[in-house]
């Protein structure tokens, strides 16, 4: 701990929702950050569609709470399975065009289960340089050999796969990527990625946690309708406004997870109210297919406006807009500056991102009020000179 730089120390901050789009920090600390205790417009959380406070979602969770209680009380294979779990799994399978879906209490558990189901000690895992920590934890748990490829660089991935195929043609090869990288805001060319994996006989696990509900046809993600994506990982804690996660694949792989996955078998089932809320959120997404188009159009407008104001244009086209700052201290100072103006956007620093690439992670949500963008640009002020184009 003594060696940990002050600018990279983390602290917990408690926030109380004041309405659907603002938070108020609850703190009694001396030297609290500017804006502490005042309402802050939330530009940090992943509730992209504002469904966490949608009346239909809350009503569904409340009804299931009365019906089933707060917790499931046991694992899915003991007494933890409720009708709502089966209903949500079936609805997701139909929506995604997959044969089988299994629910998990968290995205971390789902990714751990996914990797260990597809890879073992004899396997090779090729992972994008920026995949989520949970996927890397899964690789370590599987005992597979890990190689990394440059972020969204399919040429570099092909070199890795071709070399592995040549040296050990019978070896299991697994590729790990995401459809929307949560700290970069970027997406790979998923059809080309899937085709590349098919050519080289590699399995493909795609983490769609941040894309589902937002990207792809009807918010179904970038893997929807594609051959060669063997397993999709998704969560309910982002666009679905709930909690928990799932894996979606074919029937054989789903049964293998059921029979062999410790991460599924040895944990208390997803809380029934969360499952009910996620199911209600799915129905809302199905009923409003145009909501994602409007959100992405607004994200494009925000990117253009930030670039016009002198900031590096945030990469990607989804609702995650990373504003590169560079220095850790400068990112923290900018976070405090925004909080003083009543805006909450969190500085992301190493080791979450590479050294020298500290950033503010701006998150666009469909329920943000008009006027948020000019307010943000005014609070940001001029871009740091080393980053000005």
Protein backbone atom coordinates (compact mmCIF):
# COMPACT_ATOMS: atom_id res chain seq x y z
CA UNK A 1 0.00 0.00 0.00
CA UNK A 2 2.84 2.39 0.74
CA UNK A 3 4.04 2.05 -2.85
CA UNK A 4 0.62 2.89 -4.30
CA UNK A 5 0.59 6.36 -5.82
CA UNK A 6 -1.85 8.77 -4.19
CA UNK A 7 -3.41 9.61 -7.55
CA UNK A 8 -4.22 5.93 -8.10
CA UNK A 9 -5.82 5.23 -4.75
CA UNK A 10 -9.49 4.39 -4.87
CA UNK A 11 -12.16 5.36 -2.37
CA UNK A 12 -15.79 4.43 -1.96
CA UNK A 13 -18.38 7.15 -2.37
CA UNK A 14 -22.02 6.69 -1.45
CA UNK A 15 -24.70 8.28 -3.62
CA UNK A 16 -28.42 8.68 -3.03
CA UNK A 17 -30.66 8.97 -6.12
CA UNK A 18 -32.62 12.21 -6.10
CA UNK A 19 -34.60 11.30 -9.22
CA UNK A 20 -34.03 9.19 -12.31
CA UNK A 21 -31.08 11.19 -13.59
CA UNK A 22 -29.36 12.84 -10.61
CA UNK A 23 -27.42 11.62 -7.58
CA UNK A 24 -26.47 13.24 -4.31
CA UNK A 25 -23.30 12.21 -2.50
CA UNK A 26 -23.77 11.19 1.11
CA UNK A 27 -20.55 12.15 2.88
CA UNK A 28 -19.31 13.46 6.16
CA UNK A 29 -15.67 13.37 5.14
CA UNK A 30 -13.41 16.35 5.66
CA UNK A 31 -12.02 17.67 2.42
CA UNK A 32 -14.82 16.18 0.35
CA UNK A 33 -14.67 16.72 -3.39
CA UNK A 34 -16.27 19.84 -4.87
CA UNK A 35 -19.97 19.22 -5.33
CA UNK A 36 -20.16 16.73 -2.44
CA UNK A 37 -23.59 16.81 -0.88
CA UNK A 38 -25.10 18.66 -3.87
CA UNK A 39 -27.24 17.03 -6.57
CA UNK A 40 -25.06 15.81 -9.46
CA UNK A 41 -26.37 15.03 -12.92
CA UNK A 42 -25.29 11.44 -13.52
CA UNK A 43 -22.98 11.09 -16.54
CA UNK A 44 -21.25 7.98 -15.17
CA UNK A 45 -23.62 5.04 -14.70
CA UNK A 46 -24.56 2.44 -17.31
CA UNK A 47 -28.35 2.78 -17.12
CA UNK A 48 -28.34 3.70 -20.83
CA UNK A 49 -32.11 3.46 -21.36
CA UNK A 50 -33.21 4.70 -17.94
CA UNK A 51 -34.99 1.42 -17.27
CA UNK A 52 -33.85 1.04 -13.66
CA UNK A 53 -36.61 3.45 -12.63
CA UNK A 54 -39.18 2.60 -15.30
CA UNK A 55 -42.59 2.08 -13.65
CA UNK A 56 -43.18 -1.27 -15.38
CA UNK A 57 -39.76 -2.57 -14.33
CA UNK A 58 -40.21 -1.49 -10.72
CA UNK A 59 -43.75 -2.92 -10.61
CA UNK A 60 -42.56 -6.30 -11.93
CA UNK A 61 -39.75 -6.47 -9.38
CA UNK A 62 -42.11 -5.45 -6.56
CA UNK A 63 -44.68 -8.10 -7.54
CA UNK A 64 -42.01 -10.81 -7.65
CA UNK A 65 -40.67 -9.65 -4.29
CA UNK A 66 -44.12 -10.21 -2.80
CA UNK A 67 -44.50 -13.52 -4.60
CA UNK A 68 -41.07 -15.12 -4.07
CA UNK A 69 -39.31 -13.08 -1.40
CA UNK A 70 -36.06 -11.20 -1.71
CA UNK A 71 -33.57 -14.02 -2.30
CA UNK A 72 -33.79 -17.44 -3.96
CA UNK A 73 -32.36 -19.17 -0.90
CA UNK A 74 -30.38 -21.83 -2.76
CA UNK A 75 -28.57 -22.64 -5.98
CA UNK A 76 -30.50 -23.30 -9.18
CA UNK A 77 -29.91 -27.07 -8.88
CA UNK A 78 -31.28 -27.28 -5.34
CA UNK A 79 -34.40 -25.18 -4.65
CA UNK A 80 -33.32 -21.84 -6.13
CA UNK A 81 -35.05 -22.02 -9.50
CA UNK A 82 -38.26 -19.99 -9.71
CA UNK A 83 -40.70 -19.74 -12.63
CA UNK A 84 -39.40 -16.24 -13.39
CA UNK A 85 -35.89 -17.64 -13.99
CA UNK A 86 -37.20 -20.05 -16.61
CA UNK A 87 -39.39 -17.35 -18.16
CA UNK A 88 -36.46 -14.94 -18.47
CA UNK A 89 -34.17 -17.60 -19.93
CA UNK A 90 -36.78 -18.57 -22.53
CA UNK A 91 -37.53 -14.95 -23.45
CA UNK A 92 -33.85 -14.12 -23.87
CA UNK A 93 -33.21 -17.22 -25.97
CA UNK A 94 -36.06 -16.26 -28.32
CA UNK A 95 -34.97 -12.60 -28.48
CA UNK A 96 -31.34 -13.45 -29.23
CA UNK A 97 -32.07 -16.38 -31.52
CA UNK A 98 -30.13 -18.78 -29.28
CA UNK A 99 -31.09 -22.28 -28.20
CA UNK A 100 -30.21 -21.99 -24.53
CA UNK A 101 -29.71 -19.28 -21.92
CA UNK A 102 -28.50 -19.71 -18.34
CA UNK A 103 -28.71 -16.99 -15.70
CA UNK A 104 -25.92 -15.99 -13.31
CA UNK A 105 -25.89 -13.64 -10.29
CA UNK A 106 -23.15 -11.45 -11.82
CA UNK A 107 -21.36 -10.74 -15.07
CA UNK A 108 -18.05 -11.67 -13.46
CA UNK A 109 -19.39 -15.14 -12.65
CA UNK A 110 -20.85 -15.54 -16.12
CA UNK A 111 -17.55 -14.74 -17.81
CA UNK A 112 -15.64 -16.98 -15.44
CA UNK A 113 -18.04 -19.82 -16.27
CA UNK A 114 -17.88 -19.14 -20.01
CA UNK A 115 -14.10 -19.29 -20.32
CA UNK A 116 -13.70 -22.36 -18.11
CA UNK A 117 -16.41 -24.14 -20.10
CA UNK A 118 -14.65 -23.51 -23.43
CA UNK A 119 -10.96 -23.84 -22.47
CA UNK A 120 -8.77 -26.13 -20.39
CA UNK A 121 -5.06 -26.54 -19.67
CA UNK A 122 -4.35 -27.74 -23.19
CA UNK A 123 -6.12 -24.81 -24.87
CA UNK A 124 -4.84 -21.53 -26.28
CA UNK A 125 -6.82 -18.35 -25.55
CA UNK A 126 -6.34 -15.31 -27.77
CA UNK A 127 -7.75 -12.24 -25.99
CA UNK A 128 -8.14 -8.66 -27.14
CA UNK A 129 -5.71 -6.43 -25.25
CA UNK A 130 -8.61 -4.59 -23.56
CA UNK A 131 -10.98 -7.41 -22.57
CA UNK A 132 -12.61 -7.22 -19.16
CA UNK A 133 -10.75 -8.44 -16.09
CA UNK A 134 -13.39 -11.14 -15.51
CA UNK A 135 -12.47 -12.83 -18.79
CA UNK A 136 -8.80 -12.85 -17.86
CA UNK A 137 -9.70 -14.32 -14.47
CA UNK A 138 -11.51 -17.06 -16.37
CA UNK A 139 -8.38 -17.79 -18.41
CA UNK A 140 -6.32 -18.09 -15.24
CA UNK A 141 -8.91 -20.42 -13.70
CA UNK A 142 -8.95 -22.60 -16.82
CA UNK A 143 -5.16 -23.01 -16.88
CA UNK A 144 -5.09 -22.28 -20.63
CA UNK A 145 -2.19 -20.49 -22.28
CA UNK A 146 -2.98 -16.83 -22.91
CA UNK A 147 -1.81 -14.65 -25.78
CA UNK A 148 -3.02 -11.10 -26.37
CA UNK A 149 -3.73 -9.39 -29.67
CA UNK A 150 -3.77 -5.66 -30.37
CA UNK A 151 -7.09 -3.98 -29.67
CA UNK A 152 -9.62 -4.72 -32.43
CA UNK A 153 -6.72 -5.64 -34.76
CA UNK A 154 -7.96 -8.63 -36.74
CA UNK A 155 -4.71 -8.82 -38.71
CA UNK A 156 -2.77 -9.31 -35.49
CA UNK A 157 -5.32 -11.89 -34.31
CA UNK A 158 -5.02 -13.80 -37.58
CA UNK A 159 -1.26 -14.00 -37.14
CA UNK A 160 -1.74 -15.46 -33.67
CA UNK A 161 -4.31 -18.00 -34.84
CA UNK A 162 -2.36 -19.04 -37.95
CA UNK A 163 0.77 -19.62 -35.90
CA UNK A 164 -1.12 -21.69 -33.33
CA UNK A 165 -2.91 -23.70 -36.01
CA UNK A 166 0.37 -24.48 -37.72
CA UNK A 167 2.23 -25.54 -34.59
CA UNK A 168 -0.61 -27.42 -32.84
CA UNK A 169 -3.44 -28.09 -35.30
CA UNK A 170 -5.50 -30.16 -32.83
CA UNK A 171 -5.32 -27.66 -30.00
CA UNK A 172 -8.50 -25.94 -28.83
CA UNK A 173 -8.33 -22.26 -29.74
CA UNK A 174 -10.60 -19.72 -28.05
CA UNK A 175 -10.92 -16.02 -28.94
CA UNK A 176 -12.18 -13.47 -26.42
CA UNK A 177 -13.52 -10.07 -27.38
CA UNK A 178 -16.27 -7.59 -26.55
CA UNK A 179 -18.87 -5.96 -28.76
CA UNK A 180 -18.62 -2.63 -26.92
CA UNK A 181 -15.50 -2.05 -24.84
CA UNK A 182 -16.56 -0.31 -21.67
CA UNK A 183 -13.55 1.99 -21.22
CA UNK A 184 -12.70 2.60 -24.88
CA UNK A 185 -16.18 2.97 -26.35
CA UNK A 186 -15.01 0.99 -29.37
CA UNK A 187 -16.39 -2.07 -31.15
CA UNK A 188 -14.70 -4.70 -33.33
CA UNK A 189 -15.91 -5.69 -36.78
CA UNK A 190 -17.87 -8.60 -35.36
CA UNK A 191 -18.87 -10.25 -38.68
CA UNK A 192 -15.22 -10.22 -39.79
CA UNK A 193 -14.12 -11.45 -36.36
CA UNK A 194 -16.55 -14.38 -36.49
CA UNK A 195 -15.51 -15.25 -40.04
CA UNK A 196 -11.84 -15.18 -39.02
CA UNK A 197 -12.50 -17.55 -36.15
CA UNK A 198 -14.39 -19.92 -38.46
CA UNK A 199 -11.49 -19.97 -40.93
CA UNK A 200 -9.05 -20.95 -38.21
CA UNK A 201 -11.30 -23.34 -36.34
CA UNK A 202 -11.41 -21.15 -33.23
CA UNK A 203 -14.22 -20.80 -30.72
CA UNK A 204 -15.45 -17.26 -30.14
CA UNK A 205 -16.77 -15.89 -26.85
CA UNK A 206 -18.21 -12.39 -27.22
CA UNK A 207 -18.97 -10.26 -24.18
CA UNK A 208 -22.00 -8.14 -25.11
CA UNK A 209 -22.55 -6.68 -21.65
CA UNK A 210 -22.47 -3.04 -22.78
CA UNK A 211 -23.99 -3.56 -26.23
CA UNK A 212 -27.20 -5.42 -25.43
CA UNK A 213 -30.19 -3.13 -25.48
CA UNK A 214 -28.20 -0.52 -27.40
CA UNK A 215 -26.31 -1.93 -30.41
CA UNK A 216 -27.35 -4.32 -33.15
CA UNK A 217 -30.82 -4.92 -34.62
CA UNK A 218 -33.39 -3.99 -31.99
CA UNK A 219 -30.62 -3.78 -29.39
CA UNK A 220 -29.90 -7.52 -29.70
CA UNK A 221 -26.14 -6.97 -29.84
CA UNK A 222 -23.58 -7.20 -32.62
CA UNK A 223 -23.51 -11.02 -32.57
CA UNK A 224 -27.17 -11.34 -33.44
CA UNK A 225 -27.76 -13.59 -36.44
CA UNK A 226 -24.07 -14.36 -36.95
CA UNK A 227 -22.58 -17.82 -37.33
CA UNK A 228 -19.37 -18.52 -35.49
CA UNK A 229 -20.14 -16.74 -32.20
CA UNK A 230 -20.27 -19.79 -29.94
CA UNK A 231 -21.18 -18.09 -26.70
CA UNK A 232 -22.55 -14.65 -25.82
CA UNK A 233 -22.15 -13.14 -22.38
CA UNK A 234 -24.58 -10.44 -21.29
CA UNK A 235 -25.61 -8.58 -18.16
CA UNK A 236 -28.76 -6.95 -16.80
CA UNK A 237 -26.90 -4.24 -14.89
CA UNK A 238 -26.47 -1.94 -17.89
CA UNK A 239 -29.22 -1.20 -20.41
CA UNK A 240 -31.67 -3.54 -18.65
CA UNK A 241 -31.50 -1.47 -15.46
CA UNK A 242 -31.53 -4.54 -13.19
CA UNK A 243 -28.78 -6.89 -11.97
CA UNK A 244 -27.37 -10.30 -12.81
CA UNK A 245 -26.12 -11.82 -16.05
CA UNK A 246 -26.49 -14.67 -18.52
CA UNK A 247 -24.76 -16.85 -21.09
CA UNK A 248 -26.43 -17.69 -24.41
CA UNK A 249 -25.36 -20.44 -26.78
CA UNK A 250 -26.53 -23.66 -28.40
CA UNK A 251 -28.31 -26.44 -26.56
CA UNK A 252 -25.24 -28.67 -26.19
CA UNK A 253 -23.08 -25.91 -24.73
CA UNK A 254 -25.91 -24.82 -22.45
CA UNK A 255 -26.27 -28.35 -21.11
CA UNK A 256 -22.50 -28.60 -20.61
CA UNK A 257 -22.59 -25.43 -18.51
CA UNK A 258 -25.47 -26.84 -16.48
CA UNK A 259 -23.64 -30.10 -15.84
CA UNK A 260 -20.07 -28.90 -15.36
CA UNK A 261 -19.91 -25.20 -14.43
CA UNK A 262 -19.05 -24.63 -10.78
CA UNK A 263 -19.75 -20.93 -11.22
CA UNK A 264 -23.35 -21.86 -12.04
CA UNK A 265 -23.89 -24.80 -9.70
CA UNK A 266 -22.30 -23.53 -6.50
CA UNK A 267 -23.93 -20.12 -6.07
CA UNK A 268 -27.27 -18.86 -4.86
CA UNK A 269 -29.58 -18.21 -7.80
CA UNK A 270 -30.19 -14.71 -9.14
CA UNK A 271 -32.60 -12.87 -6.82
CA UNK A 272 -36.12 -13.37 -8.22
CA UNK A 273 -37.04 -9.63 -8.13
CA UNK A 274 -33.98 -8.85 -10.25
CA UNK A 275 -34.97 -11.53 -12.76
CA UNK A 276 -38.50 -10.14 -12.92
CA UNK A 277 -37.17 -6.63 -13.42
CA UNK A 278 -34.88 -7.82 -16.21
CA UNK A 279 -37.77 -9.58 -17.92
CA UNK A 280 -39.89 -6.43 -17.74
CA UNK A 281 -36.97 -4.40 -19.13
CA UNK A 282 -36.63 -6.84 -22.03
CA UNK A 283 -40.30 -6.32 -22.85
CA UNK A 284 -39.76 -2.55 -22.86
CA UNK A 285 -36.79 -2.87 -25.21
CA UNK A 286 -38.81 -5.12 -27.53
CA UNK A 287 -41.70 -2.65 -27.53
CA UNK A 288 -39.53 0.40 -28.33
CA UNK A 289 -37.13 -0.61 -31.13
CA UNK A 290 -36.53 3.03 -32.07
CA UNK A 291 -35.13 3.97 -28.68
CA UNK A 292 -31.66 2.68 -29.56
CA UNK A 293 -31.59 4.61 -32.86
CA UNK A 294 -32.31 7.86 -31.03
CA UNK A 295 -29.65 7.16 -28.41
CA UNK A 296 -26.98 6.42 -31.03
CA UNK A 297 -27.89 9.54 -33.01
CA UNK A 298 -27.51 11.59 -29.85
CA UNK A 299 -24.15 9.91 -29.14
CA UNK A 300 -22.94 10.90 -32.61
CA UNK A 301 -24.00 14.51 -31.97
CA UNK A 302 -22.13 14.54 -28.65
CA UNK A 303 -18.96 13.23 -30.28
CA UNK A 304 -19.12 15.87 -32.98
CA UNK A 305 -19.69 18.66 -30.46
CA UNK A 306 -16.84 17.56 -28.18
CA UNK A 307 -14.48 17.42 -31.15
CA UNK A 308 -15.63 20.87 -32.30
CA UNK A 309 -14.85 22.15 -28.80
CA UNK A 310 -11.23 21.02 -29.20
CA UNK A 311 -11.33 17.71 -27.36
CA UNK A 312 -10.18 14.46 -29.00
CA UNK A 313 -13.27 12.91 -30.58
CA UNK A 314 -14.35 10.00 -28.37
CA UNK A 315 -13.87 6.71 -30.17
CA UNK A 316 -16.71 4.42 -31.21
CA UNK A 317 -20.37 5.07 -31.86
CA UNK A 318 -22.17 3.77 -28.75
CA UNK A 319 -23.18 5.56 -25.54
CA UNK A 320 -19.75 5.25 -23.87
CA UNK A 321 -17.70 8.36 -24.67
CA UNK A 322 -14.18 8.28 -23.21
CA UNK A 323 -12.64 11.73 -23.01
CA UNK A 324 -8.89 11.20 -23.06
CA UNK A 325 -6.91 13.38 -20.66
CA UNK A 326 -3.62 11.49 -20.24
CA UNK A 327 -2.27 12.36 -16.81
CA UNK A 328 -3.88 10.82 -13.72
CA UNK A 329 -3.86 14.06 -11.74
CA UNK A 330 -5.30 16.05 -14.64
CA UNK A 331 -8.15 13.55 -14.99
CA UNK A 332 -8.96 13.79 -11.29
CA UNK A 333 -8.84 17.58 -11.42
CA UNK A 334 -11.23 17.60 -14.37
CA UNK A 335 -13.58 15.26 -12.51
CA UNK A 336 -13.63 17.73 -9.58
CA UNK A 337 -14.19 20.62 -11.96
CA UNK A 338 -17.28 18.91 -13.40
CA UNK A 339 -18.59 18.07 -9.95
CA UNK A 340 -18.31 21.72 -8.95
CA UNK A 341 -20.57 22.40 -11.94
CA UNK A 342 -23.05 19.72 -10.83
CA UNK A 343 -21.97 16.99 -13.24
CA UNK A 344 -20.75 13.52 -12.26
CA UNK A 345 -18.22 11.87 -14.59
CA UNK A 346 -15.58 9.61 -13.10
CA UNK A 347 -11.84 9.71 -13.84
CA UNK A 348 -10.66 6.28 -15.03
CA UNK A 349 -6.99 5.65 -14.23
CA UNK A 350 -4.47 2.80 -14.42
CA UNK A 351 -4.56 -0.13 -13.95
CA UNK A 352 -8.07 -0.02 -15.47
CA UNK A 353 -6.59 1.73 -18.51
CA UNK A 354 -2.95 1.84 -19.73
CA UNK A 355 -0.56 4.32 -18.12
CA UNK A 356 -0.71 7.74 -19.72
CA UNK A 357 -4.30 7.28 -20.94
CA UNK A 358 -6.35 8.43 -17.94
CA UNK A 359 -9.75 9.62 -19.05
CA UNK A 360 -13.17 10.79 -18.07
CA UNK A 361 -15.70 8.10 -18.93
CA UNK A 362 -18.78 9.95 -20.10
CA UNK A 363 -21.95 7.87 -20.40
CA UNK A 364 -24.86 9.09 -22.46
CA UNK A 365 -28.32 8.01 -21.31
CA UNK A 366 -31.55 8.53 -23.16
CA UNK A 367 -33.20 10.29 -20.22
CA UNK A 368 -30.61 13.05 -19.83
CA UNK A 369 -32.33 16.45 -20.08
CA UNK A 370 -31.95 18.79 -23.03
CA UNK A 371 -29.16 21.25 -22.41
CA UNK A 372 -26.84 18.68 -20.84
CA UNK A 373 -24.32 18.84 -23.68
CA UNK A 374 -23.69 22.64 -23.67
CA UNK A 375 -23.55 22.52 -19.88
CA UNK A 376 -20.91 19.78 -20.10
CA UNK A 377 -18.81 21.58 -22.70
CA UNK A 378 -18.87 24.80 -20.69
CA UNK A 379 -17.78 22.95 -17.54
CA UNK A 380 -14.99 21.11 -19.37
CA UNK A 381 -13.41 24.31 -20.63
CA UNK A 382 -10.55 24.12 -23.15
CA UNK A 383 -8.89 20.79 -23.77
CA UNK A 384 -5.41 20.29 -22.23
CA UNK A 385 -2.91 21.66 -24.74
CA UNK A 386 -1.02 18.39 -25.36
CA UNK A 387 -4.30 16.78 -26.43
CA UNK A 388 -5.61 19.63 -28.59
CA UNK A 389 -5.59 18.53 -32.27
